[in-house]
Full PDB file with SEQRES, HELIX, SHEET, SSBOND, CRYST1, ORIGX, SCALE, CONECT and MASTER records, all heavy atoms in Angstrom:
SEQRES   1 A   33  ALA ALA ASP GLU ALA VAL LEU TYR PHE THR LEU ILE LYS          
SEQRES   2 A   33  ASP GLN VAL LEU GLU GLY ILE GLU GLU GLY ILE SER PRO          
SEQRES   3 A   33  ASP ASP ILE THR LYS VAL VAL                                  
HELIX    1 AA1 ASP A    3  GLU A   21  1                                  19    
HELIX    2 AA2 ILE A   29  VAL A   32  1                                   4    
CRYST1    1.000    1.000    1.000  90.00  90.00  90.00 P 1           1          
ORIGX1      1.000000  0.000000  0.000000        0.00000                         
ORIGX2      0.000000  1.000000  0.000000        0.00000                         
ORIGX3      0.000000  0.000000  1.000000        0.00000                         
SCALE1      1.000000  0.000000  0.000000        0.00000                         
SCALE2      0.000000  1.000000  0.000000        0.00000                         
SCALE3      0.000000  0.000000  1.000000        0.00000                         
ATOM      1  N   ALA A   1      45.313 265.418  -2.112  1.00  0.00           N  
ATOM      2  CA  ALA A   1      44.231 264.876  -2.946  1.00  0.00           C  
ATOM      3  C   ALA A   1      44.721 264.038  -4.116  1.00  0.00           C  
ATOM      4  O   ALA A   1      44.048 263.086  -4.534  1.00  0.00           O  
ATOM      5  CB  ALA A   1      43.350 266.014  -3.455  1.00  0.00           C  
ATOM      6  N   ALA A   2      45.879 264.373  -4.687  1.00  0.00           N  
ATOM      7  CA  ALA A   2      46.380 263.643  -5.863  1.00  0.00           C  
ATOM      8  C   ALA A   2      47.345 262.521  -5.510  1.00  0.00           C  
ATOM      9  O   ALA A   2      47.773 261.773  -6.400  1.00  0.00           O  
ATOM     10  CB  ALA A   2      47.055 264.619  -6.828  1.00  0.00           C  
ATOM     11  N   ASP A   3      47.682 262.375  -4.241  1.00  0.00           N  
ATOM     12  CA  ASP A   3      48.738 261.419  -3.859  1.00  0.00           C  
ATOM     13  C   ASP A   3      48.393 259.983  -4.216  1.00  0.00           C  
ATOM     14  O   ASP A   3      49.248 259.217  -4.678  1.00  0.00           O  
ATOM     15  CB  ASP A   3      49.030 261.529  -2.360  1.00  0.00           C  
ATOM     16  CG  ASP A   3      49.687 262.853  -1.986  1.00  0.00           C  
ATOM     17  OD1 ASP A   3      50.026 263.630  -2.910  1.00  0.00           O  
ATOM     18  OD2 ASP A   3      49.849 263.117  -0.776  1.00  0.00           O  
ATOM     19  N   GLU A   4      47.136 259.593  -3.985  1.00  0.00           N  
ATOM     20  CA  GLU A   4      46.741 258.217  -4.300  1.00  0.00           C  
ATOM     21  C   GLU A   4      46.890 257.922  -5.788  1.00  0.00           C  
ATOM     22  O   GLU A   4      47.351 256.849  -6.176  1.00  0.00           O  
ATOM     23  CB  GLU A   4      45.292 257.963  -3.874  1.00  0.00           C  
ATOM     24  CG  GLU A   4      45.091 257.794  -2.390  1.00  0.00           C  
ATOM     25  CD  GLU A   4      43.642 257.461  -2.069  1.00  0.00           C  
ATOM     26  OE1 GLU A   4      42.930 256.904  -2.936  1.00  0.00           O  
ATOM     27  OE2 GLU A   4      43.209 257.767  -0.931  1.00  0.00           O  
ATOM     28  N   ALA A   5      46.477 258.868  -6.630  1.00  0.00           N  
ATOM     29  CA  ALA A   5      46.562 258.666  -8.076  1.00  0.00           C  
ATOM     30  C   ALA A   5      48.009 258.552  -8.530  1.00  0.00           C  
ATOM     31  O   ALA A   5      48.351 257.697  -9.358  1.00  0.00           O  
ATOM     32  CB  ALA A   5      45.866 259.816  -8.805  1.00  0.00           C  
ATOM     33  N   VAL A   6      48.877 259.406  -7.982  1.00  0.00           N  
ATOM     34  CA  VAL A   6      50.304 259.337  -8.326  1.00  0.00           C  
ATOM     35  C   VAL A   6      50.865 257.968  -7.948  1.00  0.00           C  
ATOM     36  O   VAL A   6      51.560 257.319  -8.748  1.00  0.00           O  
ATOM     37  CB  VAL A   6      51.086 260.455  -7.615  1.00  0.00           C  
ATOM     38  CG1 VAL A   6      52.588 260.268  -7.821  1.00  0.00           C  
ATOM     39  CG2 VAL A   6      50.655 261.823  -8.131  1.00  0.00           C  
ATOM     40  N   LEU A   7      50.563 257.512  -6.744  1.00  0.00           N  
ATOM     41  CA  LEU A   7      51.070 256.216  -6.287  1.00  0.00           C  
ATOM     42  C   LEU A   7      50.518 255.079  -7.141  1.00  0.00           C  
ATOM     43  O   LEU A   7      51.268 254.186  -7.561  1.00  0.00           O  
ATOM     44  CB  LEU A   7      50.694 256.001  -4.816  1.00  0.00           C  
ATOM     45  CG  LEU A   7      51.107 254.651  -4.216  1.00  0.00           C  
ATOM     46  CD1 LEU A   7      52.625 254.483  -4.246  1.00  0.00           C  
ATOM     47  CD2 LEU A   7      50.575 254.518  -2.782  1.00  0.00           C  
ATOM     48  N   TYR A   8      49.227 255.114  -7.417  1.00  0.00           N  
ATOM     49  CA  TYR A   8      48.591 254.024  -8.156  1.00  0.00           C  
ATOM     50  C   TYR A   8      49.202 253.852  -9.540  1.00  0.00           C  
ATOM     51  O   TYR A   8      49.613 252.749  -9.915  1.00  0.00           O  
ATOM     52  CB  TYR A   8      47.087 254.288  -8.270  1.00  0.00           C  
ATOM     53  CG  TYR A   8      46.308 253.148  -8.894  1.00  0.00           C  
ATOM     54  CD1 TYR A   8      46.009 252.003  -8.158  1.00  0.00           C  
ATOM     55  CD2 TYR A   8      45.872 253.219 -10.214  1.00  0.00           C  
ATOM     56  CE1 TYR A   8      45.302 250.956  -8.729  1.00  0.00           C  
ATOM     57  CE2 TYR A   8      45.155 252.182 -10.790  1.00  0.00           C  
ATOM     58  CZ  TYR A   8      44.871 251.049 -10.040  1.00  0.00           C  
ATOM     59  OH  TYR A   8      44.172 250.014 -10.615  1.00  0.00           O  
ATOM     60  N   PHE A   9      49.293 254.934 -10.296  1.00  0.00           N  
ATOM     61  CA  PHE A   9      49.801 254.820 -11.661  1.00  0.00           C  
ATOM     62  C   PHE A   9      51.314 254.583 -11.699  1.00  0.00           C  
ATOM     63  O   PHE A   9      51.815 253.920 -12.606  1.00  0.00           O  
ATOM     64  CB  PHE A   9      49.413 256.048 -12.477  1.00  0.00           C  
ATOM     65  CG  PHE A   9      47.954 256.090 -12.802  1.00  0.00           C  
ATOM     66  CD1 PHE A   9      47.126 257.042 -12.219  1.00  0.00           C  
ATOM     67  CD2 PHE A   9      47.388 255.173 -13.664  1.00  0.00           C  
ATOM     68  CE1 PHE A   9      45.773 257.071 -12.506  1.00  0.00           C  
ATOM     69  CE2 PHE A   9      46.029 255.181 -13.959  1.00  0.00           C  
ATOM     70  CZ  PHE A   9      45.226 256.145 -13.375  1.00  0.00           C  
ATOM     71  N   THR A  10      52.026 255.088 -10.709  1.00  0.00           N  
ATOM     72  CA  THR A  10      53.469 254.809 -10.634  1.00  0.00           C  
ATOM     73  C   THR A  10      53.711 253.333 -10.356  1.00  0.00           C  
ATOM     74  O   THR A  10      54.575 252.701 -10.984  1.00  0.00           O  
ATOM     75  CB  THR A  10      54.120 255.675  -9.551  1.00  0.00           C  
ATOM     76  OG1 THR A  10      53.922 257.058  -9.856  1.00  0.00           O  
ATOM     77  CG2 THR A  10      55.617 255.391  -9.461  1.00  0.00           C  
ATOM     78  N   LEU A  11      52.953 252.774  -9.418  1.00  0.00           N  
ATOM     79  CA  LEU A  11      53.099 251.354  -9.098  1.00  0.00           C  
ATOM     80  C   LEU A  11      52.760 250.471 -10.298  1.00  0.00           C  
ATOM     81  O   LEU A  11      53.465 249.500 -10.596  1.00  0.00           O  
ATOM     82  CB  LEU A  11      52.220 250.979  -7.907  1.00  0.00           C  
ATOM     83  CG  LEU A  11      52.665 251.476  -6.532  1.00  0.00           C  
ATOM     84  CD1 LEU A  11      51.627 251.119  -5.477  1.00  0.00           C  
ATOM     85  CD2 LEU A  11      54.022 250.887  -6.156  1.00  0.00           C  
ATOM     86  N   ILE A  12      51.650 250.775 -10.972  1.00  0.00           N  
ATOM     87  CA  ILE A  12      51.276 249.980 -12.141  1.00  0.00           C  
ATOM     88  C   ILE A  12      52.393 250.013 -13.180  1.00  0.00           C  
ATOM     89  O   ILE A  12      52.820 248.984 -13.696  1.00  0.00           O  
ATOM     90  CB  ILE A  12      49.963 250.484 -12.775  1.00  0.00           C  
ATOM     91  CG1 ILE A  12      48.768 250.086 -11.919  1.00  0.00           C  
ATOM     92  CG2 ILE A  12      49.783 249.898 -14.173  1.00  0.00           C  
ATOM     93  CD1 ILE A  12      47.436 250.426 -12.533  1.00  0.00           C  
ATOM     94  N   LYS A  13      52.864 251.207 -13.495  1.00  0.00           N  
ATOM     95  CA  LYS A  13      53.900 251.339 -14.524  1.00  0.00           C  
ATOM     96  C   LYS A  13      55.159 250.569 -14.136  1.00  0.00           C  
ATOM     97  O   LYS A  13      55.669 249.752 -14.917  1.00  0.00           O  
ATOM     98  CB  LYS A  13      54.234 252.815 -14.739  1.00  0.00           C  
ATOM     99  CG  LYS A  13      55.303 253.023 -15.796  1.00  0.00           C  
ATOM    100  CD  LYS A  13      55.760 254.466 -15.830  1.00  0.00           C  
ATOM    101  CE  LYS A  13      57.027 254.564 -16.665  1.00  0.00           C  
ATOM    102  NZ  LYS A  13      57.854 255.709 -16.307  1.00  0.00           N  
ATOM    103  N   ASP A  14      55.659 250.809 -12.930  1.00  0.00           N  
ATOM    104  CA  ASP A  14      56.916 250.184 -12.520  1.00  0.00           C  
ATOM    105  C   ASP A  14      56.792 248.666 -12.412  1.00  0.00           C  
ATOM    106  O   ASP A  14      57.668 247.917 -12.881  1.00  0.00           O  
ATOM    107  CB  ASP A  14      57.367 250.762 -11.171  1.00  0.00           C  
ATOM    108  CG  ASP A  14      57.789 252.224 -11.273  1.00  0.00           C  
ATOM    109  OD1 ASP A  14      57.964 252.709 -12.413  1.00  0.00           O  
ATOM    110  OD2 ASP A  14      57.930 252.872 -10.222  1.00  0.00           O  
ATOM    111  N   GLN A  15      55.693 248.198 -11.820  1.00  0.00           N  
ATOM    112  CA  GLN A  15      55.557 246.757 -11.598  1.00  0.00           C  
ATOM    113  C   GLN A  15      55.234 246.004 -12.884  1.00  0.00           C  
ATOM    114  O   GLN A  15      55.705 244.876 -13.078  1.00  0.00           O  
ATOM    115  CB  GLN A  15      54.500 246.498 -10.528  1.00  0.00           C  
ATOM    116  CG  GLN A  15      54.935 246.987  -9.151  1.00  0.00           C  
ATOM    117  CD  GLN A  15      53.894 246.742  -8.070  1.00  0.00           C  
ATOM    118  OE1 GLN A  15      52.951 245.960  -8.243  1.00  0.00           O  
ATOM    119  NE2 GLN A  15      54.056 247.407  -6.941  1.00  0.00           N  
ATOM    120  N   VAL A  16      54.449 246.597 -13.770  1.00  0.00           N  
ATOM    121  CA  VAL A  16      54.160 245.945 -15.046  1.00  0.00           C  
ATOM    122  C   VAL A  16      55.413 245.892 -15.911  1.00  0.00           C  
ATOM    123  O   VAL A  16      55.709 244.854 -16.534  1.00  0.00           O  
ATOM    124  CB  VAL A  16      53.009 246.655 -15.781  1.00  0.00           C  
ATOM    125  CG1 VAL A  16      52.894 246.164 -17.222  1.00  0.00           C  
ATOM    126  CG2 VAL A  16      51.691 246.414 -15.052  1.00  0.00           C  
ATOM    127  N   LEU A  17      56.174 246.977 -15.949  1.00  0.00           N  
ATOM    128  CA  LEU A  17      57.433 246.965 -16.716  1.00  0.00           C  
ATOM    129  C   LEU A  17      58.396 245.919 -16.165  1.00  0.00           C  
ATOM    130  O   LEU A  17      59.084 245.228 -16.923  1.00  0.00           O  
ATOM    131  CB  LEU A  17      58.080 248.352 -16.691  1.00  0.00           C  
ATOM    132  CG  LEU A  17      57.451 249.419 -17.592  1.00  0.00           C  
ATOM    133  CD1 LEU A  17      58.100 250.782 -17.343  1.00  0.00           C  
ATOM    134  CD2 LEU A  17      57.582 249.035 -19.065  1.00  0.00           C  
ATOM    135  N   GLU A  18      58.440 245.791 -14.849  1.00  0.00           N  
ATOM    136  CA  GLU A  18      59.287 244.766 -14.233  1.00  0.00           C  
ATOM    137  C   GLU A  18      58.814 243.371 -14.624  1.00  0.00           C  
ATOM    138  O   GLU A  18      59.618 242.480 -14.924  1.00  0.00           O  
ATOM    139  CB  GLU A  18      59.265 244.926 -12.716  1.00  0.00           C  
ATOM    140  CG  GLU A  18      60.187 243.959 -11.981  1.00  0.00           C  
ATOM    141  CD  GLU A  18      60.175 244.168 -10.477  1.00  0.00           C  
ATOM    142  OE1 GLU A  18      59.676 245.222 -10.013  1.00  0.00           O  
ATOM    143  OE2 GLU A  18      60.668 243.281  -9.758  1.00  0.00           O  
ATOM    144  N   GLY A  19      57.491 243.170 -14.629  1.00  0.00           N  
ATOM    145  CA  GLY A  19      56.950 241.875 -15.027  1.00  0.00           C  
ATOM    146  C   GLY A  19      57.268 241.549 -16.479  1.00  0.00           C  
ATOM    147  O   GLY A  19      57.605 240.406 -16.815  1.00  0.00           O  
ATOM    148  N   ILE A  20      57.175 242.551 -17.359  1.00  0.00           N  
ATOM    149  CA  ILE A  20      57.505 242.347 -18.771  1.00  0.00           C  
ATOM    150  C   ILE A  20      58.973 241.981 -18.914  1.00  0.00           C  
ATOM    151  O   ILE A  20      59.340 241.067 -19.676  1.00  0.00           O  
ATOM    152  CB  ILE A  20      57.168 243.615 -19.585  1.00  0.00           C  
ATOM    153  CG1 ILE A  20      55.648 243.814 -19.638  1.00  0.00           C  
ATOM    154  CG2 ILE A  20      57.741 243.525 -20.998  1.00  0.00           C  
ATOM    155  CD1 ILE A  20      55.225 245.153 -20.229  1.00  0.00           C  
ATOM    156  N   GLU A  21      59.834 242.682 -18.166  1.00  0.00           N  
ATOM    157  CA  GLU A  21      61.268 242.404 -18.211  1.00  0.00           C  
ATOM    158  C   GLU A  21      61.575 240.975 -17.757  1.00  0.00           C  
ATOM    159  O   GLU A  21      62.475 240.318 -18.281  1.00  0.00           O  
ATOM    160  CB  GLU A  21      61.996 243.407 -17.315  1.00  0.00           C  
ATOM    161  CG  GLU A  21      63.512 243.278 -17.307  1.00  0.00           C  
ATOM    162  CD  GLU A  21      64.159 243.674 -18.618  1.00  0.00           C  
ATOM    163  OE1 GLU A  21      63.551 244.440 -19.386  1.00  0.00           O  
ATOM    164  OE2 GLU A  21      65.281 243.193 -18.883  1.00  0.00           O  
ATOM    165  N   GLU A  22      60.791 240.479 -16.817  1.00  0.00           N  
ATOM    166  CA  GLU A  22      61.000 239.122 -16.292  1.00  0.00           C  
ATOM    167  C   GLU A  22      60.310 238.060 -17.138  1.00  0.00           C  
ATOM    168  O   GLU A  22      60.370 236.868 -16.816  1.00  0.00           O  
ATOM    169  CB  GLU A  22      60.500 239.042 -14.858  1.00  0.00           C  
ATOM    170  CG  GLU A  22      61.319 239.892 -13.885  1.00  0.00           C  
ATOM    171  CD  GLU A  22      60.750 239.884 -12.484  1.00  0.00           C  
ATOM    172  OE1 GLU A  22      59.665 239.275 -12.294  1.00  0.00           O  
ATOM    173  OE2 GLU A  22      61.368 240.476 -11.584  1.00  0.00           O  
ATOM    174  N   GLY A  23      59.636 238.467 -18.211  1.00  0.00           N  
ATOM    175  CA  GLY A  23      59.013 237.509 -19.108  1.00  0.00           C  
ATOM    176  C   GLY A  23      57.643 237.027 -18.679  1.00  0.00           C  
ATOM    177  O   GLY A  23      57.165 235.999 -19.176  1.00  0.00           O  
ATOM    178  N   ILE A  24      56.990 237.750 -17.769  1.00  0.00           N  
ATOM    179  CA  ILE A  24      55.632 237.375 -17.362  1.00  0.00           C  
ATOM    180  C   ILE A  24      54.689 237.575 -18.543  1.00  0.00           C  
ATOM    181  O   ILE A  24      54.728 238.599 -19.223  1.00  0.00           O  
ATOM    182  CB  ILE A  24      55.163 238.226 -16.167  1.00  0.00           C  
ATOM    183  CG1 ILE A  24      56.147 238.126 -15.000  1.00  0.00           C  
ATOM    184  CG2 ILE A  24      53.756 237.823 -15.735  1.00  0.00           C  
ATOM    185  CD1 ILE A  24      56.297 236.745 -14.442  1.00  0.00           C  
ATOM    186  N   SER A  25      53.824 236.608 -18.798  1.00  0.00           N  
ATOM    187  CA  SER A  25      52.904 236.702 -19.928  1.00  0.00           C  
ATOM    188  C   SER A  25      51.736 237.622 -19.578  1.00  0.00           C  
ATOM    189  O   SER A  25      51.438 237.853 -18.397  1.00  0.00           O  
ATOM    190  CB  SER A  25      52.355 235.316 -20.278  1.00  0.00           C  
ATOM    191  OG  SER A  25      51.439 234.884 -19.282  1.00  0.00           O  
ATOM    192  N   PRO A  26      51.047 238.162 -20.591  1.00  0.00           N  
ATOM    193  CA  PRO A  26      49.883 239.018 -20.301  1.00  0.00           C  
ATOM    194  C   PRO A  26      48.788 238.285 -19.525  1.00  0.00           C  
ATOM    195  O   PRO A  26      48.072 238.900 -18.737  1.00  0.00           O  
ATOM    196  CB  PRO A  26      49.401 239.456 -21.683  1.00  0.00           C  
ATOM    197  CG  PRO A  26      50.044 238.530 -22.661  1.00  0.00           C  
ATOM    198  CD  PRO A  26      51.324 238.095 -22.034  1.00  0.00           C  
ATOM    199  N   ASP A  27      48.661 236.990 -19.732  1.00  0.00           N  
ATOM    200  CA  ASP A  27      47.640 236.225 -19.018  1.00  0.00           C  
ATOM    201  C   ASP A  27      47.948 236.101 -17.530  1.00  0.00           C  
ATOM    202  O   ASP A  27      47.040 235.877 -16.720  1.00  0.00           O  
ATOM    203  CB  ASP A  27      47.506 234.823 -19.621  1.00  0.00           C  
ATOM    204  CG  ASP A  27      46.900 234.856 -21.016  1.00  0.00           C  
ATOM    205  OD1 ASP A  27      46.198 235.841 -21.323  1.00  0.00           O  
ATOM    206  OD2 ASP A  27      47.142 233.913 -21.790  1.00  0.00           O  
ATOM    207  N   ASP A  28      49.224 236.236 -17.175  1.00  0.00           N  
ATOM    208  CA  ASP A  28      49.634 236.053 -15.788  1.00  0.00           C  
ATOM    209  C   ASP A  28      49.964 237.361 -15.070  1.00  0.00           C  
ATOM    210  O   ASP A  28      50.228 237.341 -13.861  1.00  0.00           O  
ATOM    211  CB  ASP A  28      50.856 235.126 -15.721  1.00  0.00           C  
ATOM    212  CG  ASP A  28      50.520 233.702 -16.118  1.00  0.00           C  
ATOM    213  OD1 ASP A  28      49.371 233.280 -15.876  1.00  0.00           O  
ATOM    214  OD2 ASP A  28      51.397 233.018 -16.669  1.00  0.00           O  
ATOM    215  N   ILE A  29      49.959 238.479 -15.795  1.00  0.00           N  
ATOM    216  CA  ILE A  29      50.432 239.720 -15.180  1.00  0.00           C  
ATOM    217  C   ILE A  29      49.570 240.155 -14.004  1.00  0.00           C  
ATOM    218  O   ILE A  29      50.072 240.705 -13.013  1.00  0.00           O  
ATOM    219  CB  ILE A  29      50.524 240.854 -16.239  1.00  0.00           C  
ATOM    220  CG1 ILE A  29      51.321 242.030 -15.690  1.00  0.00           C  
ATOM    221  CG2 ILE A  29      49.138 241.297 -16.700  1.00  0.00           C  
ATOM    222  CD1 ILE A  29      52.774 241.747 -15.431  1.00  0.00           C  
ATOM    223  N   THR A  30      48.257 239.887 -14.045  1.00  0.00           N  
ATOM    224  CA  THR A  30      47.388 240.299 -12.942  1.00  0.00           C  
ATOM    225  C   THR A  30      47.592 239.440 -11.697  1.00  0.00           C  
ATOM    226  O   THR A  30      47.183 239.833 -10.604  1.00  0.00           O  
ATOM    227  CB  THR A  30      45.902 240.251 -13.361  1.00  0.00           C  
ATOM    228  OG1 THR A  30      45.574 238.943 -13.810  1.00  0.00           O  
ATOM    229  CG2 THR A  30      45.627 241.258 -14.461  1.00  0.00           C  
ATOM    230  N   LYS A  31      48.220 238.281 -11.863  1.00  0.00           N  
ATOM    231  CA  LYS A  31      48.548 237.453 -10.705  1.00  0.00           C  
ATOM    232  C   LYS A  31      49.796 237.963 -10.004  1.00  0.00           C  
ATOM    233  O   LYS A  31      49.983 237.745  -8.812  1.00  0.00           O  
ATOM    234  CB  LYS A  31      48.769 235.999 -11.144  1.00  0.00           C  
ATOM    235  CG  LYS A  31      47.575 235.371 -11.835  1.00  0.00           C  
ATOM    236  CD  LYS A  31      47.931 233.993 -12.400  1.00  0.00           C  
ATOM    237  CE  LYS A  31      46.784 233.423 -13.216  1.00  0.00           C  
ATOM    238  NZ  LYS A  31      47.166 232.132 -13.859  1.00  0.00           N  
ATOM    239  N   VAL A  32      50.637 238.653 -10.778  1.00  0.00           N  
ATOM    240  CA  VAL A  32      51.906 239.159 -10.242  1.00  0.00           C  
ATOM    241  C   VAL A  32      51.754 240.589  -9.735  1.00  0.00           C  
ATOM    242  O   VAL A  32      52.226 240.932  -8.648  1.00  0.00           O  
ATOM    243  CB  VAL A  32      53.002 239.089 -11.328  1.00  0.00           C  
ATOM    244  CG1 VAL A  32      54.302 239.711 -10.824  1.00  0.00           C  
ATOM    245  CG2 VAL A  32      53.219 237.651 -11.775  1.00  0.00           C  
ATOM    246  N   VAL A  33      51.085 241.415 -10.518  1.00  0.00           N  
ATOM    247  CA  VAL A  33      50.868 242.820 -10.133  1.00  0.00           C  
ATOM    248  C   VAL A  33      49.476 242.931  -9.519  1.00  0.00           C  
ATOM    249  O   VAL A  33      48.469 243.051 -10.230  1.00  0.00           O  
ATOM    250  CB  VAL A  33      51.006 243.759 -11.351  1.00  0.00           C  
ATOM    251  CG1 VAL A  33      50.793 245.212 -10.924  1.00  0.00           C  
ATOM    252  CG2 VAL A  33      52.366 243.587 -12.004  1.00  0.00           C  
TER     253      VAL A  33                                                      
MASTER        0    0    0    2    0    0    0    6  252    1    0    3          
END                                                                             
C-alpha cells in the first residue's frame, strides 16, 4: 500500500536535487522532472 508513495517522493527528491546540481532553473524544473 505504501510503495507508490515511497517511490513518488524518492523520485522527486533525487531528480530535483540532480536538477539543482546541474543548474536547472526553477522555471524549467518541471520540464526536466
